[in-house]
Amino acid sequence: MFDSIPTFLPGQITAANIGSLENVSTKGEIKSIKQYDTEISDVALMTACSEDVLWISDTHILQKVKIEGSSLKIIDQIDIEILCMAYTQSKDLLLVAKESSVVKQINDQTGEITDSKYKVEDLEISAIHINLDGKVTVGAYNGEISFPAKGRRAVIVMNRSGRHETTYEHDGRQGNPLFTLISNITRTKNGNIYVVDTLSKDMEGRLVILSENGDVLNTFNGLSKISTKDMSDSDSEKKSDSDSDSYLESDSESESVSDSFQPVCVFTTPSDNLILLNFDNGILFLLNSSGNLISWYDTNKIGIINPISFCMTSEHTYIGCFTYEDSNDNAKIYEVDIL
């Protein structure tokens, strides 16, 4: 017996068992706990070194900052143009420079920047993720960035030594290209790979969920592909009881939310769910490991404007924001309570 709609948790596939139904609790709102002012205009990229040390970048300036009370102390700063970054278990930082086929590495002890063992031939890297087992997954392309895509678009998994283990590039059934522009990647414990695929110059996109075998398990296209009226009806009783901001308040609001889907950042939570950030309207989507929507949160309602990056530690959750070109303000980072 369940007191709410249960979430399917996949298990080992045997003749007798393919998984189980369990109650998975999620909070009905997101709360801002602390706010930190940075000295850069955009926190376009962010990753955590520890509970109170972050690497942040506006894609041109890279800073290592330490949280001290209510402020940020800059420990290190490097002028370097990068597309993405990831933190290794050995505490080094991996960087993807623009138009590069080799992942750069910053040594945690010396601060020296060198070429890492992770590289691709005849391709340029556009995204990177480090799995819990130390494997590095990158998104790569060749040719010009164009819509529709011209040239190869691939997700490549490398082991700790940099050897290529698996390449995902084509639909196994029909042989069609899987991606247009790979902007962001994450993985979950069950081996699934989640790819933010940008489809147009306007940053319209989708989330593609791949199995380890390369099968497309699901795609998430934002609220536009979901019957938001049905969601409103089914959640109406719950909303009236809790008045939660995470549920749809009206058909008109749901229509405005679903107008544009511009995914920029996807992140795996400790509970193996996903958080997907929509650049256009500051909506955070909470998805299960199958890529199905659990809930969503409007960051504007708690004063977090223009979120663009996201990172988590074992104890803290941070959201990085951007500012507009005509603004003289610096970007902010918020610590939030969400899961």
Foldseek 3Di string as FASTA:
>chain_A
DDPDQWDWDADDDDPVDGTDTDHDDFDLAKAFDAKEFDPAFFQQAWEDLAPFWIWGDPQFKIFIWGDDPRYIDTPDIDGAGFQYWEAFPQGKIWTFHPQAFFIWIQDPPPRDIDTDLAGDPQWGWQEWDADPQGKIKTWIFHDDQDAQADGWTWIWIAHNNNDTDDIAAAAPPPRHGDARGFHYWDAFPQQKIWTWGQRHPVQQTKIFIAHNVNHGLDIGRACVVPPLVVQCVVCVVVCVVVVRQFHDDDPVVSVVRNPGARWRYWDADPVRWIWTAGQPQGKIFIGHNSRHTDIIHRPVVNPDPAWNYWYDDPPWIKTWHHDDPPDPGHTMMTIMDTD
